[in-house]
Amino acid sequence: CCGCFYENNKMFLLGITEACPVYAGFFGFFGSALALVFSNLGAAYGTAKSATGVSAMGVLRYDLVMRSMIAPVMAGILGIYGLIVAVIIAISMDSTAYPLWTSFAHLGAGLACGLASLAAGMCIGVAGDAGVRACGQQDKLFVSMILILIFAEALGLYGLIVALIMISKPAASC
């Protein structure tokens, strides 16, 4: 076996210990996938939900359609958060020495970013749809709508920051 050694008639894989089991990579890859999937679910929902308000704005006040595009754009940014975390996790994984502690940190980072972005996308979608429709009837609500959308986007940003901190934690070697 290439990468194996024998001791007392037992075969051992190099780099595979209790701290670095062979299944540790599963948790890291799962964290990477969860970051991407959940953040894109949030981005998709936020875009779709707020786009219905943009469509309604096109019927009511077509001159304000471009101002109404802020919510779908903000929802789309959430997908980028998940992409950033997923790529950083995938790049930092090592097939020869990947500690279980690090794999759990990567799983937690993926969940933190993905679920925070999912919640932010749902908030942006609902607030964006209602806000755009309200701005169609009263122009003075535009600034209030933007502030609400910024606070909603901040939820996803919080998840990204926590995920980056979790990823950057040093781990014990194998």
N, C-alpha and C. Protein backbone atom coordinates (compact mmCIF):
# COMPACT_ATOMS: atom_id res chain seq x y z
N CYS A 1 0.85 -1.18 0.00
CA CYS A 1 0.00 0.00 0.00
C CYS A 1 0.89 1.23 0.00
N CYS A 2 0.68 2.11 -0.93
CA CYS A 2 1.45 3.36 -1.00
C CYS A 2 0.94 4.31 0.08
N GLY A 3 1.84 4.85 0.90
CA GLY A 3 1.44 5.73 1.98
C GLY A 3 1.08 4.97 3.24
N CYS A 4 1.46 3.66 3.32
CA CYS A 4 1.17 2.84 4.49
C CYS A 4 2.48 2.40 5.14
N PHE A 5 2.42 2.06 6.40
CA PHE A 5 3.56 1.44 7.05
C PHE A 5 3.03 0.39 8.01
N TYR A 6 3.89 -0.55 8.36
CA TYR A 6 3.51 -1.66 9.22
C TYR A 6 4.24 -1.58 10.55
N GLU A 7 3.51 -1.86 11.64
CA GLU A 7 4.11 -1.91 12.96
C GLU A 7 3.40 -2.99 13.74
N ASN A 8 4.15 -3.98 14.22
CA ASN A 8 3.59 -5.11 14.96
C ASN A 8 2.48 -5.79 14.16
N ASN A 9 2.75 -6.06 12.89
CA ASN A 9 1.81 -6.72 11.98
C ASN A 9 0.49 -5.97 11.81
N LYS A 10 0.47 -4.65 12.06
CA LYS A 10 -0.71 -3.82 11.81
C LYS A 10 -0.36 -2.79 10.76
N MET A 11 -1.27 -2.59 9.84
CA MET A 11 -1.04 -1.61 8.79
C MET A 11 -1.61 -0.26 9.22
N PHE A 12 -0.83 0.82 9.03
CA PHE A 12 -1.26 2.17 9.37
C PHE A 12 -1.14 3.04 8.13
N LEU A 13 -2.11 3.90 7.92
CA LEU A 13 -2.04 4.88 6.85
C LEU A 13 -1.30 6.10 7.37
N LEU A 14 -0.40 6.61 6.58
CA LEU A 14 0.35 7.80 6.98
C LEU A 14 -0.60 8.99 7.10
N GLY A 15 -0.47 9.75 8.16
CA GLY A 15 -1.28 10.95 8.35
C GLY A 15 -2.66 10.69 8.91
N ILE A 16 -3.05 9.43 9.10
CA ILE A 16 -4.36 9.10 9.63
C ILE A 16 -4.19 8.76 11.11
N THR A 17 -4.69 9.63 11.98
CA THR A 17 -4.62 9.42 13.42
C THR A 17 -6.00 9.71 13.99
N GLU A 18 -6.09 9.62 15.32
CA GLU A 18 -7.36 9.95 15.96
C GLU A 18 -7.68 11.44 15.78
N ALA A 19 -6.65 12.29 15.74
CA ALA A 19 -6.88 13.72 15.55
C ALA A 19 -7.18 14.05 14.09
N CYS A 20 -6.74 13.20 13.20
CA CYS A 20 -6.92 13.44 11.76
C CYS A 20 -7.49 12.20 11.09
N PRO A 21 -8.74 11.85 11.36
CA PRO A 21 -9.31 10.66 10.73
C PRO A 21 -9.58 10.89 9.25
N VAL A 22 -9.77 9.80 8.56
CA VAL A 22 -9.98 9.87 7.12
C VAL A 22 -11.30 10.56 6.77
N TYR A 23 -12.27 10.50 7.67
CA TYR A 23 -13.58 11.09 7.40
C TYR A 23 -13.65 12.59 7.74
N ALA A 24 -12.59 13.19 8.21
CA ALA A 24 -12.60 14.61 8.57
C ALA A 24 -12.91 15.48 7.36
N GLY A 25 -12.47 15.08 6.19
CA GLY A 25 -12.73 15.85 4.99
C GLY A 25 -14.20 16.01 4.68
N PHE A 26 -15.00 15.02 5.08
CA PHE A 26 -16.44 15.10 4.84
C PHE A 26 -17.04 16.35 5.47
N PHE A 27 -16.66 16.62 6.72
CA PHE A 27 -17.21 17.77 7.42
C PHE A 27 -16.76 19.08 6.79
N GLY A 28 -15.53 19.14 6.34
CA GLY A 28 -15.04 20.34 5.68
C GLY A 28 -15.75 20.60 4.36
N PHE A 29 -15.86 19.55 3.54
CA PHE A 29 -16.56 19.71 2.27
C PHE A 29 -18.05 20.01 2.48
N PHE A 30 -18.62 19.42 3.51
CA PHE A 30 -20.03 19.68 3.81
C PHE A 30 -20.23 21.13 4.22
N GLY A 31 -19.30 21.66 5.03
CA GLY A 31 -19.37 23.07 5.41
C GLY A 31 -19.25 23.99 4.21
N SER A 32 -18.37 23.63 3.30
CA SER A 32 -18.21 24.42 2.07
C SER A 32 -19.49 24.40 1.25
N ALA A 33 -20.08 23.24 1.11
CA ALA A 33 -21.31 23.11 0.34
C ALA A 33 -22.47 23.84 1.00
N LEU A 34 -22.57 23.74 2.33
CA LEU A 34 -23.66 24.41 3.04
C LEU A 34 -23.57 25.92 2.92
N ALA A 35 -22.36 26.45 2.97
CA ALA A 35 -22.19 27.90 2.82
C ALA A 35 -22.73 28.34 1.47
N LEU A 36 -22.38 27.62 0.43
CA LEU A 36 -22.79 27.99 -0.91
C LEU A 36 -24.29 27.78 -1.13
N VAL A 37 -24.80 26.63 -0.70
CA VAL A 37 -26.20 26.29 -0.95
C VAL A 37 -27.15 27.21 -0.20
N PHE A 38 -26.93 27.37 1.11
CA PHE A 38 -27.86 28.19 1.90
C PHE A 38 -27.79 29.67 1.51
N SER A 39 -26.58 30.17 1.25
CA SER A 39 -26.49 31.58 0.87
C SER A 39 -27.14 31.82 -0.49
N ASN A 40 -27.02 30.87 -1.39
CA ASN A 40 -27.66 31.03 -2.69
C ASN A 40 -29.17 30.84 -2.61
N LEU A 41 -29.63 30.02 -1.68
CA LEU A 41 -31.08 29.94 -1.45
C LEU A 41 -31.61 31.28 -0.96
N GLY A 42 -30.88 31.91 -0.04
CA GLY A 42 -31.29 33.23 0.43
C GLY A 42 -31.25 34.27 -0.67
N ALA A 43 -30.20 34.22 -1.48
CA ALA A 43 -30.09 35.17 -2.59
C ALA A 43 -31.21 34.96 -3.60
N ALA A 44 -31.52 33.71 -3.90
CA ALA A 44 -32.57 33.42 -4.87
C ALA A 44 -33.94 33.85 -4.36
N TYR A 45 -34.23 33.53 -3.10
CA TYR A 45 -35.52 33.91 -2.54
C TYR A 45 -35.64 35.43 -2.47
N GLY A 46 -34.59 36.10 -2.00
CA GLY A 46 -34.63 37.55 -1.89
C GLY A 46 -34.80 38.22 -3.24
N THR A 47 -34.11 37.70 -4.24
CA THR A 47 -34.23 38.26 -5.58
C THR A 47 -35.63 38.03 -6.15
N ALA A 48 -36.12 36.81 -6.03
CA ALA A 48 -37.44 36.50 -6.60
C ALA A 48 -38.55 37.27 -5.90
N LYS A 49 -38.50 37.31 -4.59
CA LYS A 49 -39.57 37.99 -3.84
C LYS A 49 -39.56 39.50 -4.09
N SER A 50 -38.37 40.10 -4.07
CA SER A 50 -38.31 41.55 -4.29
C SER A 50 -38.55 41.90 -5.76
N ALA A 51 -38.27 40.99 -6.66
CA ALA A 51 -38.52 41.26 -8.08
C ALA A 51 -40.00 41.35 -8.39
N THR A 52 -40.84 40.70 -7.60
CA THR A 52 -42.28 40.86 -7.81
C THR A 52 -42.70 42.29 -7.51
N GLY A 53 -42.05 42.91 -6.52
CA GLY A 53 -42.33 44.31 -6.24
C GLY A 53 -41.83 45.22 -7.35
N VAL A 54 -40.69 44.85 -7.94
CA VAL A 54 -40.17 45.64 -9.07
C VAL A 54 -41.12 45.54 -10.25
N SER A 55 -41.66 44.36 -10.49
CA SER A 55 -42.63 44.19 -11.58
C SER A 55 -43.88 45.02 -11.34
N ALA A 56 -44.33 45.04 -10.10
CA ALA A 56 -45.50 45.85 -9.77
C ALA A 56 -45.19 47.34 -9.94
N MET A 57 -43.96 47.72 -9.62
CA MET A 57 -43.55 49.11 -9.80
C MET A 57 -43.55 49.48 -11.28
N GLY A 58 -43.17 48.54 -12.13
CA GLY A 58 -43.17 48.80 -13.56
C GLY A 58 -44.56 49.08 -14.10
N VAL A 59 -45.57 48.53 -13.45
CA VAL A 59 -46.94 48.79 -13.87
C VAL A 59 -47.44 50.11 -13.30
N LEU A 60 -47.14 50.35 -12.03
CA LEU A 60 -47.65 51.56 -11.36
C LEU A 60 -46.88 52.81 -11.77
N ARG A 61 -45.53 52.76 -11.59
CA ARG A 61 -44.70 53.93 -11.85
C ARG A 61 -43.43 53.47 -12.56
N TYR A 62 -43.50 53.34 -13.85
CA TYR A 62 -42.36 52.82 -14.62
C TYR A 62 -41.13 53.70 -14.52
N ASP A 63 -41.28 54.98 -14.16
CA ASP A 63 -40.14 55.88 -14.04
C ASP A 63 -39.28 55.57 -12.81
N LEU A 64 -39.79 54.78 -11.86
CA LEU A 64 -39.06 54.44 -10.64
C LEU A 64 -38.53 53.01 -10.63
N VAL A 65 -38.55 52.34 -11.76
CA VAL A 65 -38.13 50.94 -11.80
C VAL A 65 -36.65 50.79 -11.46
N MET A 66 -35.80 51.66 -11.95
CA MET A 66 -34.36 51.53 -11.68
C MET A 66 -34.06 51.76 -10.20
N ARG A 67 -34.79 52.64 -9.53
CA ARG A 67 -34.61 52.82 -8.09
C ARG A 67 -35.08 51.59 -7.33
N SER A 68 -35.97 50.84 -7.91
CA SER A 68 -36.51 49.65 -7.26
C SER A 68 -35.59 48.45 -7.38
N MET A 69 -34.56 48.55 -8.17
CA MET A 69 -33.67 47.41 -8.39
C MET A 69 -32.67 47.20 -7.25
N ILE A 70 -32.68 48.06 -6.26
CA ILE A 70 -31.71 47.96 -5.16
C ILE A 70 -31.90 46.67 -4.37
N ALA A 71 -33.13 46.30 -4.05
CA ALA A 71 -33.38 45.10 -3.26
C ALA A 71 -32.93 43.81 -3.97
N PRO A 72 -33.25 43.59 -5.24
CA PRO A 72 -32.73 42.38 -5.89
C PRO A 72 -31.21 42.34 -5.97
N VAL A 73 -30.58 43.48 -6.16
CA VAL A 73 -29.12 43.52 -6.21
C VAL A 73 -28.53 43.17 -4.85
N MET A 74 -29.10 43.74 -3.79
CA MET A 74 -28.62 43.43 -2.44
C MET A 74 -28.81 41.96 -2.10
N ALA A 75 -29.88 41.36 -2.57
CA ALA A 75 -30.11 39.94 -2.34
C ALA A 75 -29.07 39.10 -3.08
N GLY A 76 -28.70 39.52 -4.27
CA GLY A 76 -27.71 38.78 -5.04
C GLY A 76 -26.33 38.78 -4.41
N ILE A 77 -26.03 39.82 -3.64
CA ILE A 77 -24.73 39.89 -2.97
C ILE A 77 -24.58 38.77 -1.95
N LEU A 78 -25.67 38.31 -1.39
CA LEU A 78 -25.61 37.25 -0.39
C LEU A 78 -25.00 35.97 -0.96
N GLY A 79 -25.25 35.69 -2.22
CA GLY A 79 -24.65 34.52 -2.85
C GLY A 79 -23.14 34.63 -2.92
N ILE A 80 -22.64 35.85 -3.06
CA ILE A 80 -21.19 36.07 -3.11
C ILE A 80 -20.56 35.76 -1.76
N TYR A 81 -21.26 36.08 -0.66
CA TYR A 81 -20.75 35.75 0.67
C TYR A 81 -20.51 34.25 0.80
N GLY A 82 -21.49 33.47 0.38
CA GLY A 82 -21.35 32.02 0.44
C GLY A 82 -20.24 31.50 -0.46
N LEU A 83 -20.10 32.11 -1.63
CA LEU A 83 -19.04 31.70 -2.54
C LEU A 83 -17.66 31.96 -1.92
N ILE A 84 -17.51 33.10 -1.29
CA ILE A 84 -16.23 33.44 -0.66
C ILE A 84 -15.87 32.40 0.41
N VAL A 85 -16.81 32.10 1.28
CA VAL A 85 -16.55 31.15 2.36
C VAL A 85 -16.30 29.75 1.81
N ALA A 86 -17.09 29.33 0.82
CA ALA A 86 -16.91 28.00 0.25
C ALA A 86 -15.53 27.85 -0.40
N VAL A 87 -15.09 28.85 -1.10
CA VAL A 87 -13.78 28.78 -1.75
C VAL A 87 -12.66 28.78 -0.72
N ILE A 88 -12.76 29.62 0.30
CA ILE A 88 -11.72 29.65 1.33
C ILE A 88 -11.63 28.31 2.07
N ILE A 89 -12.77 27.73 2.38
CA ILE A 89 -12.77 26.42 3.04
C ILE A 89 -12.14 25.37 2.13
N ALA A 90 -12.55 25.33 0.88
CA ALA A 90 -12.03 24.31 -0.04
C ALA A 90 -10.53 24.47 -0.26
N ILE A 91 -10.05 25.69 -0.33
CA ILE A 91 -8.62 25.92 -0.55
C ILE A 91 -7.81 25.53 0.69
N SER A 92 -8.36 25.74 1.87
CA SER A 92 -7.59 25.47 3.09
C SER A 92 -7.60 24.00 3.51
N MET A 93 -8.36 23.17 2.81
CA MET A 93 -8.39 21.74 3.14
C MET A 93 -7.15 21.05 2.59
N ASP A 94 -6.66 20.08 3.37
CA ASP A 94 -5.46 19.34 2.99
C ASP A 94 -5.77 17.85 3.07
N SER A 95 -5.53 17.14 2.00
CA SER A 95 -5.88 15.71 1.97
C SER A 95 -4.91 14.86 2.78
N THR A 96 -3.72 15.36 3.06
CA THR A 96 -2.75 14.56 3.81
C THR A 96 -2.84 14.77 5.31
N ALA A 97 -3.17 15.96 5.74
CA ALA A 97 -3.26 16.25 7.18
C ALA A 97 -4.37 17.27 7.40
N TYR A 98 -5.53 16.75 7.78
CA TYR A 98 -6.70 17.62 7.98
C TYR A 98 -7.31 17.26 9.33
N PRO A 99 -7.03 18.05 10.37
CA PRO A 99 -7.51 17.71 11.71
C PRO A 99 -9.03 17.76 11.82
N LEU A 100 -9.56 16.93 12.69
CA LEU A 100 -11.00 16.88 12.91
C LEU A 100 -11.50 18.21 13.47
N TRP A 101 -10.71 18.84 14.32
CA TRP A 101 -11.09 20.14 14.89
C TRP A 101 -11.28 21.16 13.78
N THR A 102 -10.38 21.19 12.83
CA THR A 102 -10.48 22.13 11.71
C THR A 102 -11.70 21.81 10.85
N SER A 103 -11.98 20.54 10.65
CA SER A 103 -13.14 20.17 9.84
C SER A 103 -14.43 20.62 10.50
N PHE A 104 -14.50 20.51 11.82
CA PHE A 104 -15.69 20.99 12.52
C PHE A 104 -15.79 22.52 12.45
N ALA A 105 -14.64 23.19 12.52
CA ALA A 105 -14.65 24.66 12.38
C ALA A 105 -15.13 25.05 10.99
N HIS A 106 -14.73 24.30 9.97
CA HIS A 106 -15.17 24.60 8.61
C HIS A 106 -16.66 24.31 8.45
N LEU A 107 -17.14 23.27 9.08
CA LEU A 107 -18.57 22.98 9.04
C LEU A 107 -19.36 24.11 9.72
N GLY A 108 -18.89 24.54 10.88
CA GLY A 108 -19.57 25.64 11.58
C GLY A 108 -19.51 26.94 10.79
N ALA A 109 -18.39 27.20 10.13
CA ALA A 109 -18.26 28.41 9.33
C ALA A 109 -19.23 28.39 8.16
N GLY A 110 -19.36 27.24 7.52
CA GLY A 110 -20.30 27.12 6.41
C GLY A 110 -21.74 27.31 6.86
N LEU A 111 -22.07 26.73 8.00
CA LEU A 111 -23.43 26.91 8.53
C LEU A 111 -23.68 28.36 8.94
N ALA A 112 -22.69 28.99 9.58
CA ALA A 112 -22.87 30.38 10.02
C ALA A 112 -23.13 31.30 8.84
N CYS A 113 -22.30 31.18 7.81
CA CYS A 113 -22.46 32.06 6.65
C CYS A 113 -23.73 31.71 5.88
N GLY A 114 -23.96 30.43 5.65
CA GLY A 114 -25.11 30.02 4.85
C GLY A 114 -26.44 30.36 5.48
N LEU A 115 -26.60 30.03 6.76
CA LEU A 115 -27.89 30.29 7.41
C LEU A 115 -28.12 31.78 7.64
N ALA A 116 -27.06 32.53 7.95
CA ALA A 116 -27.21 33.98 8.10
C ALA A 116 -27.62 34.61 6.77
N SER A 117 -27.04 34.13 5.69
CA SER A 117 -27.40 34.66 4.37
C SER A 117 -28.81 34.25 3.96
N LEU A 118 -29.22 33.05 4.35
CA LEU A 118 -30.59 32.62 4.08
C LEU A 118 -31.59 33.52 4.80
N ALA A 119 -31.33 33.80 6.08
CA ALA A 119 -32.21 34.68 6.84
C ALA A 119 -32.21 36.09 6.25
N ALA A 120 -31.04 36.58 5.86
CA ALA A 120 -30.96 37.91 5.27
C ALA A 120 -31.70 37.97 3.95
N GLY A 121 -31.60 36.92 3.15
CA GLY A 121 -32.30 36.89 1.87
C GLY A 121 -33.81 36.89 2.04
N MET A 122 -34.30 36.16 3.04
CA MET A 122 -35.74 36.16 3.29
C MET A 122 -36.18 37.56 3.74
N CYS A 123 -35.38 38.19 4.58
CA CYS A 123 -35.72 39.53 5.05
C CYS A 123 -35.69 40.55 3.91
N ILE A 124 -34.66 40.47 3.08
CA ILE A 124 -34.55 41.40 1.94
C ILE A 124 -35.71 41.20 0.97
N GLY A 125 -36.08 39.95 0.75
CA GLY A 125 -37.18 39.68 -0.17
C GLY A 125 -38.49 40.27 0.30
N VAL A 126 -38.83 40.02 1.55
CA VAL A 126 -40.11 40.50 2.08
C VAL A 126 -40.09 42.02 2.21
N ALA A 127 -39.02 42.56 2.81
CA ALA A 127 -38.94 44.02 3.01
C ALA A 127 -38.79 44.74 1.67
N GLY A 128 -38.05 44.14 0.74
CA GLY A 128 -37.87 44.76 -0.57
C GLY A 128 -39.16 44.82 -1.36
N ASP A 129 -39.92 43.74 -1.33
CA ASP A 129 -41.19 43.71 -2.04
C ASP A 129 -42.15 44.75 -1.48
N ALA A 130 -42.32 44.74 -0.16
CA ALA A 130 -43.24 45.70 0.45
C ALA A 130 -42.73 47.13 0.33
N GLY A 131 -41.41 47.30 0.47
CA GLY A 131 -40.84 48.64 0.39
C GLY A 131 -40.95 49.25 -0.99
N VAL A 132 -40.72 48.45 -2.01
CA VAL A 132 -40.82 48.96 -3.39
C VAL A 132 -42.26 49.33 -3.71
N ARG A 133 -43.19 48.51 -3.29
CA ARG A 133 -44.60 48.83 -3.54
C ARG A 133 -45.01 50.10 -2.80
N ALA A 134 -44.51 50.25 -1.57
CA ALA A 134 -44.84 51.45 -0.80
C ALA A 134 -44.21 52.70 -1.41
N CYS A 135 -42.99 52.57 -1.93
CA CYS A 135 -42.33 53.71 -2.58
C CYS A 135 -43.06 54.12 -3.86
N GLY A 136 -43.74 53.19 -4.47
CA GLY A 136 -44.53 53.53 -5.65
C GLY A 136 -45.69 54.45 -5.32
N GLN A 137 -46.15 54.35 -4.09
CA GLN A 137 -47.27 55.19 -3.68
C GLN A 137 -46.82 56.45 -2.95
N GLN A 138 -45.66 56.37 -2.27
CA GLN A 138 -45.17 57.52 -1.50
C GLN A 138 -43.64 57.58 -1.64
N ASP A 139 -43.13 58.56 -2.38
CA ASP A 139 -41.69 58.68 -2.65
C ASP A 139 -40.87 58.91 -1.38
N LYS A 140 -41.45 59.47 -0.35
CA LYS A 140 -40.70 59.79 0.86
C LYS A 140 -40.28 58.55 1.65
N LEU A 141 -40.80 57.39 1.30
CA LEU A 141 -40.45 56.15 1.99
C LEU A 141 -39.16 55.51 1.47
N PHE A 142 -38.56 56.10 0.45
CA PHE A 142 -37.39 55.48 -0.19
C PHE A 142 -36.23 55.33 0.79
N VAL A 143 -35.90 56.36 1.52
CA VAL A 143 -34.77 56.32 2.45
C VAL A 143 -35.03 55.29 3.55
N SER A 144 -36.23 55.23 4.05
CA SER A 144 -36.58 54.24 5.07
C SER A 144 -36.43 52.82 4.52
N MET A 145 -36.86 52.61 3.29
CA MET A 145 -36.73 51.31 2.67
C MET A 145 -35.26 50.91 2.55
N ILE A 146 -34.41 51.85 2.13
CA ILE A 146 -32.98 51.57 1.98
C ILE A 146 -32.36 51.21 3.32
N LEU A 147 -32.72 51.92 4.39
CA LEU A 147 -32.19 51.61 5.72
C LEU A 147 -32.59 50.22 6.17
N ILE A 148 -33.83 49.85 5.94
CA ILE A 148 -34.29 48.51 6.31
C ILE A 148 -33.52 47.45 5.53
N LEU A 149 -33.32 47.69 4.25
CA LEU A 149 -32.58 46.73 3.43
C LEU A 149 -31.11 46.63 3.87
N ILE A 150 -30.53 47.75 4.29
CA ILE A 150 -29.14 47.71 4.78
C ILE A 150 -29.05 46.87 6.05
N PHE A 151 -30.00 47.06 6.96
CA PHE A 151 -30.00 46.24 8.18
C PHE A 151 -30.20 44.77 7.86
N ALA A 152 -31.01 44.46 6.88
CA ALA A 152 -31.21 43.07 6.47
C ALA A 152 -29.94 42.50 5.86
N GLU A 153 -29.27 43.27 5.04
CA GLU A 153 -28.01 42.81 4.43
C GLU A 153 -26.94 42.59 5.48
N ALA A 154 -26.98 43.39 6.54
CA ALA A 154 -25.99 43.26 7.61
C ALA A 154 -26.06 41.89 8.28
N LEU A 155 -27.23 41.27 8.30
CA LEU A 155 -27.35 39.93 8.87
C LEU A 155 -26.45 38.94 8.13
N GLY A 156 -26.47 39.01 6.82
CA GLY A 156 -25.59 38.15 6.03
C GLY A 156 -24.13 38.49 6.23
N LEU A 157 -23.83 39.77 6.37
CA LEU A 157 -22.46 40.20 6.59
C LEU A 157 -21.95 39.70 7.93
N TYR A 158 -22.80 39.69 8.94
CA TYR A 158 -22.40 39.14 10.25
C TYR A 158 -22.01 37.67 10.12
N GLY A 159 -22.80 36.92 9.36
CA GLY A 159 -22.47 35.52 9.15
C GLY A 159 -21.16 35.34 8.42
N LEU A 160 -20.89 36.20 7.44
CA LEU A 160 -19.62 36.13 6.71
C LEU A 160 -18.45 36.42 7.65
N ILE A 161 -18.58 37.43 8.49
CA ILE A 161 -17.50 37.78 9.41
C ILE A 161 -17.23 36.65 10.39
N VAL A 162 -18.27 36.08 10.96
CA VAL A 162 -18.09 34.97 11.90
C VAL A 162 -17.47 33.77 11.20
N ALA A 163 -17.90 33.49 9.99
CA ALA A 163 -17.33 32.37 9.23
C ALA A 163 -15.84 32.59 8.96
N LEU A 164 -15.45 33.79 8.58
CA LEU A 164 -14.04 34.07 8.32
C LEU A 164 -13.21 33.94 9.59
N ILE A 165 -13.76 34.34 10.72
CA ILE A 165 -13.05 34.18 11.99
C ILE A 165 -12.89 32.70 12.33
N MET A 166 -13.95 31.92 12.11
CA MET A 166 -13.87 30.49 12.40
C MET A 166 -12.87 29.79 11.49
N ILE A 167 -12.81 30.18 10.25
CA ILE A 167 -11.88 29.57 9.31
C ILE A 167 -10.44 29.90 9.67
N SER A 168 -10.21 31.09 10.18
CA SER A 168 -8.84 31.54 10.42
C SER A 168 -8.25 31.02 11.72
N LYS A 169 -9.03 30.31 12.52
CA LYS A 169 -8.51 29.77 13.78
C LYS A 169 -7.44 28.72 13.49
N PRO A 170 -6.28 28.82 14.16
CA PRO A 170 -5.24 27.82 13.94
C PRO A 170 -5.65 26.49 14.57
N ALA A 171 -5.24 25.42 13.94
CA ALA A 171 -5.60 24.08 14.41
C ALA A 171 -4.34 23.32 14.81
N ALA A 172 -4.53 22.33 15.61
CA ALA A 172 -3.42 21.45 15.97
C ALA A 172 -3.03 20.62 14.76
N SER A 173 -1.77 20.30 14.66
CA SER A 173 -1.34 19.50 13.52
C SER A 173 -1.60 18.03 13.77
N CYS A 174 -1.55 17.27 12.71
CA CYS A 174 -1.81 15.83 12.80
C CYS A 174 -0.58 15.07 13.24
